[in-house]
Amino acid sequence: MKRSQNVPINGPILQSQAEKFAASMGLTDVTFNPSWITRFVKRHGISFGKICGEANSVNFSQVNTWKTEVWEKIKNEYLEDDIFNIDEAGVFYNLMPDKTFRVKGETCAENYQNCE
């Protein structure tokens, strides 16, 4: 489900979800350590690879609506000298993983083939 939404899945996320799933089934004597993850991905033909490209296109009508309605209200609260773009700055707070588990043969992003 999360992979179909382009959410990256790594070992700690897989482990956490496995623990939640086991708890919901009432299984208390199961451990999900790194060796479990290794065996799980091997057993199910899952690989771990780098995410590349951008899979989702931008909805330009939403962007235009935001620019004309929301941005206009926000920018009026600031001096023009206080507005700047930091999209290329190295801000890593809550950085998403750049690698993910995926089924062998699954492309890492739409229109990008064989990203390893």
PDB file of N, CA and C in Angstrom:
ATOM      1  N   MET A   1       0.828  -1.198   0.000  1.00  0.00           N
ATOM      2  CA  MET A   1       0.000   0.000   0.000  1.00  0.00           C
ATOM      3  C   MET A   1       0.871   1.259   0.000  1.00  0.00           C
ATOM      4  N   LYS A   2       1.804   1.367   0.909  1.00  0.00           N
ATOM      5  CA  LYS A   2       2.646   2.564   0.983  1.00  0.00           C
ATOM      6  C   LYS A   2       3.553   2.676  -0.233  1.00  0.00           C
ATOM      7  N   ARG A   3       4.069   1.553  -0.741  1.00  0.00           N
ATOM      8  CA  ARG A   3       4.914   1.611  -1.937  1.00  0.00           C
ATOM      9  C   ARG A   3       4.120   2.123  -3.127  1.00  0.00           C
ATOM     10  N   SER A   4       2.839   1.747  -3.232  1.00  0.00           N
ATOM     11  CA  SER A   4       2.028   2.235  -4.344  1.00  0.00           C
ATOM     12  C   SER A   4       1.773   3.733  -4.219  1.00  0.00           C
ATOM     13  N   GLN A   5       1.980   4.287  -3.023  1.00  0.00           N
ATOM     14  CA  GLN A   5       1.849   5.726  -2.799  1.00  0.00           C
ATOM     15  C   GLN A   5       3.215   6.416  -2.863  1.00  0.00           C
ATOM     16  N   ASN A   6       4.241   5.692  -3.336  1.00  0.00           N
ATOM     17  CA  ASN A   6       5.609   6.197  -3.461  1.00  0.00           C
ATOM     18  C   ASN A   6       6.241   6.588  -2.129  1.00  0.00           C
ATOM     19  N   VAL A   7       5.847   5.895  -1.057  1.00  0.00           N
ATOM     20  CA  VAL A   7       6.462   6.114   0.248  1.00  0.00           C
ATOM     21  C   VAL A   7       7.621   5.131   0.369  1.00  0.00           C
ATOM     22  N   PRO A   8       8.849   5.625   0.615  1.00  0.00           N
ATOM     23  CA  PRO A   8       9.978   4.699   0.740  1.00  0.00           C
ATOM     24  C   PRO A   8       9.869   3.842   1.996  1.00  0.00           C
ATOM     25  N   ILE A   9      10.255   2.584   1.867  1.00  0.00           N
ATOM     26  CA  ILE A   9      10.219   1.637   2.978  1.00  0.00           C
ATOM     27  C   ILE A   9      11.638   1.138   3.209  1.00  0.00           C
ATOM     28  N   ASN A  10      12.153   1.308   4.424  1.00  0.00           N
ATOM     29  CA  ASN A  10      13.484   0.790   4.756  1.00  0.00           C
ATOM     30  C   ASN A  10      13.353  -0.232   5.875  1.00  0.00           C
ATOM     31  N   GLY A  11      14.479  -0.751   6.343  1.00  0.00           N
ATOM     32  CA  GLY A  11      14.470  -1.799   7.369  1.00  0.00           C
ATOM     33  C   GLY A  11      13.734  -1.428   8.642  1.00  0.00           C
ATOM     34  N   PRO A  12      14.046  -0.269   9.269  1.00  0.00           N
ATOM     35  CA  PRO A  12      13.347   0.103  10.495  1.00  0.00           C
ATOM     36  C   PRO A  12      11.833   0.286  10.294  1.00  0.00           C
ATOM     37  N   ILE A  13      11.432   0.814   9.161  1.00  0.00           N
ATOM     38  CA  ILE A  13       9.993   0.978   8.898  1.00  0.00           C
ATOM     39  C   ILE A  13       9.346  -0.389   8.736  1.00  0.00           C
ATOM     40  N   LEU A  14       9.982  -1.283   7.982  1.00  0.00           N
ATOM     41  CA  LEU A  14       9.461  -2.643   7.800  1.00  0.00           C
ATOM     42  C   LEU A  14       9.357  -3.363   9.140  1.00  0.00           C
ATOM     43  N   GLN A  15      10.381  -3.230   9.968  1.00  0.00           N
ATOM     44  CA  GLN A  15      10.391  -3.865  11.290  1.00  0.00           C
ATOM     45  C   GLN A  15       9.255  -3.326  12.153  1.00  0.00           C
ATOM     46  N   SER A  16       9.079  -2.022  12.176  1.00  0.00           N
ATOM     47  CA  SER A  16       8.029  -1.406  12.983  1.00  0.00           C
ATOM     48  C   SER A  16       6.643  -1.882  12.544  1.00  0.00           C
ATOM     49  N   GLN A  17       6.426  -1.939  11.240  1.00  0.00           N
ATOM     50  CA  GLN A  17       5.122  -2.384  10.733  1.00  0.00           C
ATOM     51  C   GLN A  17       4.888  -3.863  11.026  1.00  0.00           C
ATOM     52  N   ALA A  18       5.940  -4.665  10.932  1.00  0.00           N
ATOM     53  CA  ALA A  18       5.810  -6.091  11.245  1.00  0.00           C
ATOM     54  C   ALA A  18       5.432  -6.276  12.710  1.00  0.00           C
ATOM     55  N   GLU A  19       6.046  -5.489  13.592  1.00  0.00           N
ATOM     56  CA  GLU A  19       5.717  -5.564  15.024  1.00  0.00           C
ATOM     57  C   GLU A  19       4.261  -5.171  15.275  1.00  0.00           C
ATOM     58  N   LYS A  20       3.785  -4.119  14.612  1.00  0.00           N
ATOM     59  CA  LYS A  20       2.388  -3.704  14.764  1.00  0.00           C
ATOM     60  C   LYS A  20       1.432  -4.780  14.250  1.00  0.00           C
ATOM     61  N   PHE A  21       1.784  -5.375  13.104  1.00  0.00           N
ATOM     62  CA  PHE A  21       0.953  -6.420  12.522  1.00  0.00           C
ATOM     63  C   PHE A  21       0.879  -7.630  13.451  1.00  0.00           C
ATOM     64  N   ALA A  22       2.040  -8.033  14.000  1.00  0.00           N
ATOM     65  CA  ALA A  22       2.071  -9.173  14.920  1.00  0.00           C
ATOM     66  C   ALA A  22       1.250  -8.880  16.176  1.00  0.00           C
ATOM     67  N   ALA A  23       1.361  -7.665  16.703  1.00  0.00           N
ATOM     68  CA  ALA A  23       0.597  -7.293  17.903  1.00  0.00           C
ATOM     69  C   ALA A  23      -0.904  -7.331  17.625  1.00  0.00           C
ATOM     70  N   SER A  24      -1.313  -6.889  16.437  1.00  0.00           N
ATOM     71  CA  SER A  24      -2.745  -6.896  16.105  1.00  0.00           C
ATOM     72  C   SER A  24      -3.277  -8.320  15.989  1.00  0.00           C
ATOM     73  N   MET A  25      -2.362  -9.279  15.711  1.00  0.00           N
ATOM     74  CA  MET A  25      -2.763 -10.684  15.631  1.00  0.00           C
ATOM     75  C   MET A  25      -2.586 -11.398  16.965  1.00  0.00           C
ATOM     76  N   GLY A  26      -2.130 -10.664  17.987  1.00  0.00           N
ATOM     77  CA  GLY A  26      -1.943 -11.250  19.304  1.00  0.00           C
ATOM     78  C   GLY A  26      -0.678 -12.083  19.432  1.00  0.00           C
ATOM     79  N   LEU A  27       0.262 -11.919  18.510  1.00  0.00           N
ATOM     80  CA  LEU A  27       1.524 -12.657  18.573  1.00  0.00           C
ATOM     81  C   LEU A  27       2.512 -11.876  19.424  1.00  0.00           C
ATOM     82  N   THR A  28       2.909 -12.457  20.545  1.00  0.00           N
ATOM     83  CA  THR A  28       3.816 -11.758  21.461  1.00  0.00           C
ATOM     84  C   THR A  28       5.201 -12.394  21.514  1.00  0.00           C
ATOM     85  N   ASP A  29       5.357 -13.603  20.973  1.00  0.00           N
ATOM     86  CA  ASP A  29       6.629 -14.307  21.068  1.00  0.00           C
ATOM     87  C   ASP A  29       7.440 -14.219  19.769  1.00  0.00           C
ATOM     88  N   VAL A  30       7.190 -13.203  18.954  1.00  0.00           N
ATOM     89  CA  VAL A  30       7.881 -13.040  17.675  1.00  0.00           C
ATOM     90  C   VAL A  30       8.831 -11.849  17.768  1.00  0.00           C
ATOM     91  N   THR A  31      10.038 -11.995  17.227  1.00  0.00           N
ATOM     92  CA  THR A  31      10.972 -10.868  17.178  1.00  0.00           C
ATOM     93  C   THR A  31      11.303 -10.567  15.721  1.00  0.00           C
ATOM     94  N   PHE A  32      11.461  -9.318  15.433  1.00  0.00           N
ATOM     95  CA  PHE A  32      11.747  -8.860  14.071  1.00  0.00           C
ATOM     96  C   PHE A  32      13.082  -8.113  14.085  1.00  0.00           C
ATOM     97  N   ASN A  33      14.160  -8.860  14.086  1.00  0.00           N
ATOM     98  CA  ASN A  33      15.499  -8.278  14.127  1.00  0.00           C
ATOM     99  C   ASN A  33      16.041  -8.149  12.698  1.00  0.00           C
ATOM    100  N   PRO A  34      17.234  -7.575  12.533  1.00  0.00           N
ATOM    101  CA  PRO A  34      17.790  -7.418  11.181  1.00  0.00           C
ATOM    102  C   PRO A  34      17.905  -8.721  10.388  1.00  0.00           C
ATOM    103  N   SER A  35      18.202  -9.830  11.056  1.00  0.00           N
ATOM    104  CA  SER A  35      18.292 -11.091  10.306  1.00  0.00           C
ATOM    105  C   SER A  35      16.911 -11.526   9.810  1.00  0.00           C
ATOM    106  N   TRP A  36      15.851 -11.207  10.557  1.00  0.00           N
ATOM    107  CA  TRP A  36      14.492 -11.494  10.092  1.00  0.00           C
ATOM    108  C   TRP A  36      14.211 -10.696   8.821  1.00  0.00           C
ATOM    109  N   ILE A  37      14.605  -9.412   8.824  1.00  0.00           N
ATOM    110  CA  ILE A  37      14.380  -8.566   7.649  1.00  0.00           C
ATOM    111  C   ILE A  37      15.111  -9.141   6.439  1.00  0.00           C
ATOM    112  N   THR A  38      16.366  -9.560   6.635  1.00  0.00           N
ATOM    113  CA  THR A  38      17.161 -10.138   5.547  1.00  0.00           C
ATOM    114  C   THR A  38      16.481 -11.370   4.964  1.00  0.00           C
ATOM    115  N   ARG A  39      16.021 -12.267   5.835  1.00  0.00           N
ATOM    116  CA  ARG A  39      15.350 -13.481   5.362  1.00  0.00           C
ATOM    117  C   ARG A  39      14.016 -13.149   4.688  1.00  0.00           C
ATOM    118  N   PHE A  40      13.271 -12.191   5.236  1.00  0.00           N
ATOM    119  CA  PHE A  40      11.973 -11.801   4.682  1.00  0.00           C
ATOM    120  C   PHE A  40      12.122 -11.270   3.255  1.00  0.00           C
ATOM    121  N   VAL A  41      13.063 -10.346   3.067  1.00  0.00           N
ATOM    122  CA  VAL A  41      13.207  -9.763   1.725  1.00  0.00           C
ATOM    123  C   VAL A  41      13.717 -10.800   0.729  1.00  0.00           C
ATOM    124  N   LYS A  42      14.570 -11.711   1.170  1.00  0.00           N
ATOM    125  CA  LYS A  42      15.060 -12.766   0.280  1.00  0.00           C
ATOM    126  C   LYS A  42      13.928 -13.727  -0.086  1.00  0.00           C
ATOM    127  N   ARG A  43      13.142 -14.121   0.896  1.00  0.00           N
ATOM    128  CA  ARG A  43      12.055 -15.069   0.689  1.00  0.00           C
ATOM    129  C   ARG A  43      10.996 -14.520  -0.270  1.00  0.00           C
ATOM    130  N   HIS A  44      10.767 -13.197  -0.224  1.00  0.00           N
ATOM    131  CA  HIS A  44       9.709 -12.602  -1.042  1.00  0.00           C
ATOM    132  C   HIS A  44      10.232 -11.884  -2.290  1.00  0.00           C
ATOM    133  N   GLY A  45      11.513 -12.077  -2.610  1.00  0.00           N
ATOM    134  CA  GLY A  45      12.064 -11.491  -3.834  1.00  0.00           C
ATOM    135  C   GLY A  45      12.065  -9.979  -3.828  1.00  0.00           C
ATOM    136  N   ILE A  46      12.361  -9.407  -2.671  1.00  0.00           N
ATOM    137  CA  ILE A  46      12.373  -7.947  -2.524  1.00  0.00           C
ATOM    138  C   ILE A  46      13.806  -7.459  -2.567  1.00  0.00           C
ATOM    139  N   SER A  47      14.041  -6.373  -3.281  1.00  0.00           N
ATOM    140  CA  SER A  47      15.382  -5.794  -3.325  1.00  0.00           C
ATOM    141  C   SER A  47      15.355  -4.441  -2.625  1.00  0.00           C
ATOM    142  N   PHE A  48      16.525  -3.906  -2.369  1.00  0.00           N
ATOM    143  CA  PHE A  48      16.653  -2.612  -1.720  1.00  0.00           C
ATOM    144  C   PHE A  48      17.427  -1.733  -2.675  1.00  0.00           C
ATOM    145  N   GLY A  49      16.824  -0.668  -3.149  1.00  0.00           N
ATOM    146  CA  GLY A  49      17.484   0.149  -4.145  1.00  0.00           C
ATOM    147  C   GLY A  49      17.247   1.627  -3.952  1.00  0.00           C
ATOM    148  N   LYS A  50      18.056   2.395  -4.621  1.00  0.00           N
ATOM    149  CA  LYS A  50      17.994   3.845  -4.543  1.00  0.00           C
ATOM    150  C   LYS A  50      16.766   4.353  -5.285  1.00  0.00           C
ATOM    151  N   ILE A  51      16.126   5.339  -4.712  1.00  0.00           N
ATOM    152  CA  ILE A  51      14.992   5.989  -5.353  1.00  0.00           C
ATOM    153  C   ILE A  51      15.560   7.043  -6.290  1.00  0.00           C
ATOM    154  N   CYS A  52      15.070   7.058  -7.501  1.00  0.00           N
ATOM    155  CA  CYS A  52      15.571   8.048  -8.443  1.00  0.00           C
ATOM    156  C   CYS A  52      14.414   8.615  -9.247  1.00  0.00           C
ATOM    157  N   GLY A  53      14.577   9.831  -9.685  1.00  0.00           N
ATOM    158  CA  GLY A  53      13.548  10.456 -10.499  1.00  0.00           C
ATOM    159  C   GLY A  53      12.376  10.926  -9.671  1.00  0.00           C
ATOM    160  N   GLU A  54      11.455  11.546 -10.328  1.00  0.00           N
ATOM    161  CA  GLU A  54      10.236  12.009  -9.691  1.00  0.00           C
ATOM    162  C   GLU A  54       9.074  11.298 -10.356  1.00  0.00           C
ATOM    163  N   ALA A  55       8.359  10.492  -9.586  1.00  0.00           N
ATOM    164  CA  ALA A  55       7.319   9.661 -10.160  1.00  0.00           C
ATOM    165  C   ALA A  55       6.009  10.398 -10.378  1.00  0.00           C
ATOM    166  N   ASN A  56       5.769  11.417  -9.613  1.00  0.00           N
ATOM    167  CA  ASN A  56       4.472  12.082  -9.704  1.00  0.00           C
ATOM    168  C   ASN A  56       4.605  13.418 -10.406  1.00  0.00           C
ATOM    169  N   SER A  57       3.656  13.678 -11.263  1.00  0.00           N
ATOM    170  CA  SER A  57       3.669  14.968 -11.929  1.00  0.00           C
ATOM    171  C   SER A  57       2.930  15.980 -11.067  1.00  0.00           C
ATOM    172  N   VAL A  58       3.183  17.223 -11.314  1.00  0.00           N
ATOM    173  CA  VAL A  58       2.580  18.305 -10.546  1.00  0.00           C
ATOM    174  C   VAL A  58       1.199  18.611 -11.100  1.00  0.00           C
ATOM    175  N   ASN A  59       0.256  18.829 -10.209  1.00  0.00           N
ATOM    176  CA  ASN A  59      -1.075  19.263 -10.620  1.00  0.00           C
ATOM    177  C   ASN A  59      -1.028  20.788 -10.735  1.00  0.00           C
ATOM    178  N   PHE A  60      -0.860  21.275 -11.954  1.00  0.00           N
ATOM    179  CA  PHE A  60      -0.644  22.704 -12.164  1.00  0.00           C
ATOM    180  C   PHE A  60      -1.855  23.551 -11.789  1.00  0.00           C
ATOM    181  N   SER A  61      -3.049  23.001 -11.857  1.00  0.00           N
ATOM    182  CA  SER A  61      -4.217  23.794 -11.454  1.00  0.00           C
ATOM    183  C   SER A  61      -4.181  24.073  -9.953  1.00  0.00           C
ATOM    184  N   GLN A  62      -3.703  23.086  -9.163  1.00  0.00           N
ATOM    185  CA  GLN A  62      -3.572  23.314  -7.722  1.00  0.00           C
ATOM    186  C   GLN A  62      -2.464  24.309  -7.426  1.00  0.00           C
ATOM    187  N   VAL A  63      -1.381  24.237  -8.182  1.00  0.00           N
ATOM    188  CA  VAL A  63      -0.279  25.181  -7.994  1.00  0.00           C
ATOM    189  C   VAL A  63      -0.757  26.597  -8.292  1.00  0.00           C
ATOM    190  N   ASN A  64      -1.450  26.768  -9.402  1.00  0.00           N
ATOM    191  CA  ASN A  64      -1.943  28.097  -9.773  1.00  0.00           C
ATOM    192  C   ASN A  64      -2.945  28.633  -8.763  1.00  0.00           C
ATOM    193  N   THR A  65      -3.805  27.755  -8.255  1.00  0.00           N
ATOM    194  CA  THR A  65      -4.767  28.170  -7.227  1.00  0.00           C
ATOM    195  C   THR A  65      -4.027  28.617  -5.973  1.00  0.00           C
ATOM    196  N   TRP A  66      -3.014  27.845  -5.556  1.00  0.00           N
ATOM    197  CA  TRP A  66      -2.238  28.197  -4.364  1.00  0.00           C
ATOM    198  C   TRP A  66      -1.535  29.538  -4.567  1.00  0.00           C
ATOM    199  N   LYS A  67      -0.938  29.726  -5.746  1.00  0.00           N
ATOM    200  CA  LYS A  67      -0.211  30.976  -6.009  1.00  0.00           C
ATOM    201  C   LYS A  67      -1.138  32.182  -5.996  1.00  0.00           C
ATOM    202  N   THR A  68      -2.317  32.039  -6.555  1.00  0.00           N
ATOM    203  CA  THR A  68      -3.203  33.198  -6.658  1.00  0.00           C
ATOM    204  C   THR A  68      -4.013  33.445  -5.394  1.00  0.00           C
ATOM    205  N   GLU A  69      -4.324  32.406  -4.648  1.00  0.00           N
ATOM    206  CA  GLU A  69      -5.175  32.575  -3.467  1.00  0.00           C
ATOM    207  C   GLU A  69      -4.385  32.579  -2.158  1.00  0.00           C
ATOM    208  N   VAL A  70      -3.584  31.557  -1.947  1.00  0.00           N
ATOM    209  CA  VAL A  70      -2.879  31.410  -0.670  1.00  0.00           C
ATOM    210  C   VAL A  70      -1.628  32.287  -0.614  1.00  0.00           C
ATOM    211  N   TRP A  71      -0.775  32.194  -1.630  1.00  0.00           N
ATOM    212  CA  TRP A  71       0.482  32.930  -1.619  1.00  0.00           C
ATOM    213  C   TRP A  71       0.258  34.431  -1.536  1.00  0.00           C
ATOM    214  N   GLU A  72      -0.722  34.929  -2.224  1.00  0.00           N
ATOM    215  CA  GLU A  72      -0.999  36.371  -2.196  1.00  0.00           C
ATOM    216  C   GLU A  72      -1.280  36.843  -0.766  1.00  0.00           C
ATOM    217  N   LYS A  73      -2.016  36.057   0.006  1.00  0.00           N
ATOM    218  CA  LYS A  73      -2.328  36.417   1.400  1.00  0.00           C
ATOM    219  C   LYS A  73      -1.078  36.331   2.283  1.00  0.00           C
ATOM    220  N   ILE A  74      -0.278  35.286   2.076  1.00  0.00           N
ATOM    221  CA  ILE A  74       0.915  35.098   2.901  1.00  0.00           C
ATOM    222  C   ILE A  74       1.939  36.194   2.641  1.00  0.00           C
ATOM    223  N   LYS A  75       2.228  36.468   1.380  1.00  0.00           N
ATOM    224  CA  LYS A  75       3.312  37.400   1.068  1.00  0.00           C
ATOM    225  C   LYS A  75       3.011  38.825   1.482  1.00  0.00           C
ATOM    226  N   ASN A  76       1.751  39.172   1.621  1.00  0.00           N
ATOM    227  CA  ASN A  76       1.394  40.529   2.045  1.00  0.00           C
ATOM    228  C   ASN A  76       1.754  40.796   3.504  1.00  0.00           C
ATOM    229  N   GLU A  77       2.044  39.739   4.265  1.00  0.00           N
ATOM    230  CA  GLU A  77       2.407  39.898   5.669  1.00  0.00           C
ATOM    231  C   GLU A  77       3.903  40.154   5.867  1.00  0.00           C
ATOM    232  N   TYR A  78       4.697  40.131   4.780  1.00  0.00           N
ATOM    233  CA  TYR A  78       6.147  40.260   4.870  1.00  0.00           C
ATOM    234  C   TYR A  78       6.664  41.337   3.920  1.00  0.00           C
ATOM    235  N   LEU A  79       7.810  41.902   4.276  1.00  0.00           N
ATOM    236  CA  LEU A  79       8.502  42.798   3.360  1.00  0.00           C
ATOM    237  C   LEU A  79       9.119  41.954   2.250  1.00  0.00           C
ATOM    238  N   GLU A  80       9.230  42.522   1.059  1.00  0.00           N
ATOM    239  CA  GLU A  80       9.766  41.764  -0.067  1.00  0.00           C
ATOM    240  C   GLU A  80      11.206  41.314   0.188  1.00  0.00           C
ATOM    241  N   ASP A  81      11.985  42.103   0.928  1.00  0.00           N
ATOM    242  CA  ASP A  81      13.366  41.722   1.242  1.00  0.00           C
ATOM    243  C   ASP A  81      13.450  40.535   2.201  1.00  0.00           C
ATOM    244  N   ASP A  82      12.353  40.208   2.874  1.00  0.00           N
ATOM    245  CA  ASP A  82      12.339  39.095   3.827  1.00  0.00           C
ATOM    246  C   ASP A  82      11.845  37.791   3.204  1.00  0.00           C
ATOM    247  N   ILE A  83      11.577  37.789   1.924  1.00  0.00           N
ATOM    248  CA  ILE A  83      11.093  36.589   1.235  1.00  0.00           C
ATOM    249  C   ILE A  83      12.225  36.055   0.367  1.00  0.00           C
ATOM    250  N   PHE A  84      12.579  34.787   0.569  1.00  0.00           N
ATOM    251  CA  PHE A  84      13.633  34.180  -0.230  1.00  0.00           C
ATOM    252  C   PHE A  84      13.357  32.700  -0.402  1.00  0.00           C
ATOM    253  N   ASN A  85      14.005  32.101  -1.367  1.00  0.00           N
ATOM    254  CA  ASN A  85      13.808  30.704  -1.724  1.00  0.00           C
ATOM    255  C   ASN A  85      14.939  29.865  -1.140  1.00  0.00           C
ATOM    256  N   ILE A  86      14.595  28.838  -0.370  1.00  0.00           N
ATOM    257  CA  ILE A  86      15.630  27.967   0.198  1.00  0.00           C
ATOM    258  C   ILE A  86      15.439  26.516  -0.226  1.00  0.00           C
ATOM    259  N   ASP A  87      14.792  26.284  -1.360  1.00  0.00           N
ATOM    260  CA  ASP A  87      14.517  24.902  -1.757  1.00  0.00           C
ATOM    261  C   ASP A  87      15.773  24.089  -2.040  1.00  0.00           C
ATOM    262  N   GLU A  88      16.878  24.720  -2.327  1.00  0.00           N
ATOM    263  CA  GLU A  88      18.122  23.988  -2.577  1.00  0.00           C
ATOM    264  C   GLU A  88      19.024  23.934  -1.349  1.00  0.00           C
ATOM    265  N   ALA A  89      18.581  24.476  -0.230  1.00  0.00           N
ATOM    266  CA  ALA A  89      19.388  24.470   0.988  1.00  0.00           C
ATOM    267  C   ALA A  89      19.443  23.058   1.571  1.00  0.00           C
ATOM    268  N   GLY A  90      20.484  22.788   2.323  1.00  0.00           N
ATOM    269  CA  GLY A  90      20.656  21.466   2.901  1.00  0.00           C
ATOM    270  C   GLY A  90      19.871  21.293   4.191  1.00  0.00           C
ATOM    271  N   VAL A  91      18.571  21.307   4.125  1.00  0.00           N
ATOM    272  CA  VAL A  91      17.726  21.128   5.293  1.00  0.00           C
ATOM    273  C   VAL A  91      17.313  19.661   5.328  1.00  0.00           C
ATOM    274  N   PHE A  92      17.728  18.932   6.364  1.00  0.00           N
ATOM    275  CA  PHE A  92      17.491  17.501   6.411  1.00  0.00           C
ATOM    276  C   PHE A  92      16.559  17.078   7.545  1.00  0.00           C
ATOM    277  N   TYR A  93      15.811  17.981   8.124  1.00  0.00           N
ATOM    278  CA  TYR A  93      14.883  17.622   9.187  1.00  0.00           C
ATOM    279  C   TYR A  93      13.820  16.693   8.630  1.00  0.00           C
ATOM    280  N   ASN A  94      13.616  15.562   9.259  1.00  0.00           N
ATOM    281  CA  ASN A  94      12.651  14.551   8.818  1.00  0.00           C
ATOM    282  C   ASN A  94      12.903  14.110   7.382  1.00  0.00           C
ATOM    283  N   LEU A  95      14.160  13.998   7.012  1.00  0.00           N
ATOM    284  CA  LEU A  95      14.522  13.589   5.667  1.00  0.00           C
ATOM    285  C   LEU A  95      14.008  12.177   5.394  1.00  0.00           C
ATOM    286  N   MET A  96      13.340  12.010   4.267  1.00  0.00           N
ATOM    287  CA  MET A  96      12.848  10.696   3.875  1.00  0.00           C
ATOM    288  C   MET A  96      14.029   9.871   3.365  1.00  0.00           C
ATOM    289  N   PRO A  97      13.971   8.550   3.511  1.00  0.00           N
ATOM    290  CA  PRO A  97      15.045   7.705   2.987  1.00  0.00           C
ATOM    291  C   PRO A  97      15.176   7.866   1.478  1.00  0.00           C
ATOM    292  N   ASP A  98      16.405   7.697   0.954  1.00  0.00           N
ATOM    293  CA  ASP A  98      16.584   7.775  -0.492  1.00  0.00           C
ATOM    294  C   ASP A  98      16.677   6.391  -1.119  1.00  0.00           C
ATOM    295  N   LYS A  99      16.458   5.352  -0.298  1.00  0.00           N
ATOM    296  CA  LYS A  99      16.403   3.980  -0.784  1.00  0.00           C
ATOM    297  C   LYS A  99      15.141   3.335  -0.239  1.00  0.00           C
ATOM    298  N   THR A 100      14.676   2.291  -0.923  1.00  0.00           N
ATOM    299  CA  THR A 100      13.453   1.631  -0.498  1.00  0.00           C
ATOM    300  C   THR A 100      13.486   0.158  -0.869  1.00  0.00           C
ATOM    301  N   PHE A 101      12.697  -0.639  -0.167  1.00  0.00           N
ATOM    302  CA  PHE A 101      12.488  -2.023  -0.558  1.00  0.00           C
ATOM    303  C   PHE A 101      11.493  -2.017  -1.700  1.00  0.00           C
ATOM    304  N   ARG A 102      11.702  -2.902  -2.677  1.00  0.00           N
ATOM    305  CA  ARG A 102      10.752  -3.031  -3.771  1.00  0.00           C
ATOM    306  C   ARG A 102      10.840  -4.440  -4.328  1.00  0.00           C
ATOM    307  N   VAL A 103       9.765  -4.889  -4.913  1.00  0.00           N
ATOM    308  CA  VAL A 103       9.734  -6.207  -5.526  1.00  0.00           C
ATOM    309  C   VAL A 103      10.624  -6.174  -6.757  1.00  0.00           C
ATOM    310  N   LYS A 104      11.373  -7.235  -6.974  1.00  0.00           N
ATOM    311  CA  LYS A 104      12.275  -7.267  -8.124  1.00  0.00           C
ATOM    312  C   LYS A 104      11.492  -7.009  -9.404  1.00  0.00           C
ATOM    313  N   GLY A 105      12.048  -6.139 -10.235  1.00  0.00           N
ATOM    314  CA  GLY A 105      11.393  -5.776 -11.487  1.00  0.00           C
ATOM    315  C   GLY A 105      10.573  -4.508 -11.381  1.00  0.00           C
ATOM    316  N   GLU A 106      10.244  -4.080 -10.159  1.00  0.00           N
ATOM    317  CA  GLU A 106       9.479  -2.841  -9.978  1.00  0.00           C
ATOM    318  C   GLU A 106      10.401  -1.668 -10.252  1.00  0.00           C
ATOM    319  N   THR A 107       9.933  -0.722 -11.043  1.00  0.00           N
ATOM    320  CA  THR A 107      10.753   0.450 -11.304  1.00  0.00           C
ATOM    321  C   THR A 107      10.676   1.382 -10.113  1.00  0.00           C
ATOM    322  N   CYS A 108      11.729   2.151  -9.916  1.00  0.00           N
ATOM    323  CA  CYS A 108      11.791   3.009  -8.741  1.00  0.00           C
ATOM    324  C   CYS A 108      10.967   4.271  -8.928  1.00  0.00           C
ATOM    325  N   ALA A 109      10.668   4.634 -10.157  1.00  0.00           N
ATOM    326  CA  ALA A 109       9.878   5.826 -10.419  1.00  0.00           C
ATOM    327  C   ALA A 109       9.311   5.719 -11.818  1.00  0.00           C
ATOM    328  N   GLU A 110       8.178   6.316 -12.027  1.00  0.00           N
ATOM    329  CA  GLU A 110       7.543   6.300 -13.333  1.00  0.00           C
ATOM    330  C   GLU A 110       8.491   6.890 -14.369  1.00  0.00           C
ATOM    331  N   ASN A 111       8.604   6.256 -15.500  1.00  0.00           N
ATOM    332  CA  ASN A 111       9.441   6.681 -16.619  1.00  0.00           C
ATOM    333  C   ASN A 111      10.937   6.548 -16.333  1.00  0.00           C
ATOM    334  N   TYR A 112      11.342   5.896 -15.261  1.00  0.00           N
ATOM    335  CA  TYR A 112      12.754   5.644 -14.988  1.00  0.00           C
ATOM    336  C   TYR A 112      12.922   4.152 -14.850  1.00  0.00           C
ATOM    337  N   GLN A 113      13.674   3.549 -15.703  1.00  0.00           N
ATOM    338  CA  GLN A 113      13.843   2.098 -15.702  1.00  0.00           C
ATOM    339  C   GLN A 113      15.184   1.715 -15.084  1.00  0.00           C
ATOM    340  N   ASN A 114      15.224   0.588 -14.423  1.00  0.00           N
ATOM    341  CA  ASN A 114      16.459  -0.010 -13.902  1.00  0.00           C
ATOM    342  C   ASN A 114      17.290   0.928 -13.048  1.00  0.00           C
ATOM    343  N   CYS A 115      16.684   1.627 -12.148  1.00  0.00           N
ATOM    344  CA  CYS A 115      17.427   2.504 -11.238  1.00  0.00           C
ATOM    345  C   CYS A 115      18.024   1.649 -10.133  1.00  0.00           C
ATOM    346  N   GLU A 116      19.295   1.592 -10.041  1.00  0.00           N
ATOM    347  CA  GLU A 116      19.964   0.778  -9.014  1.00  0.00           C
ATOM    348  C   GLU A 116      20.851   1.642  -8.170  1.00  0.00           C
TER     349      GLU A 116
END
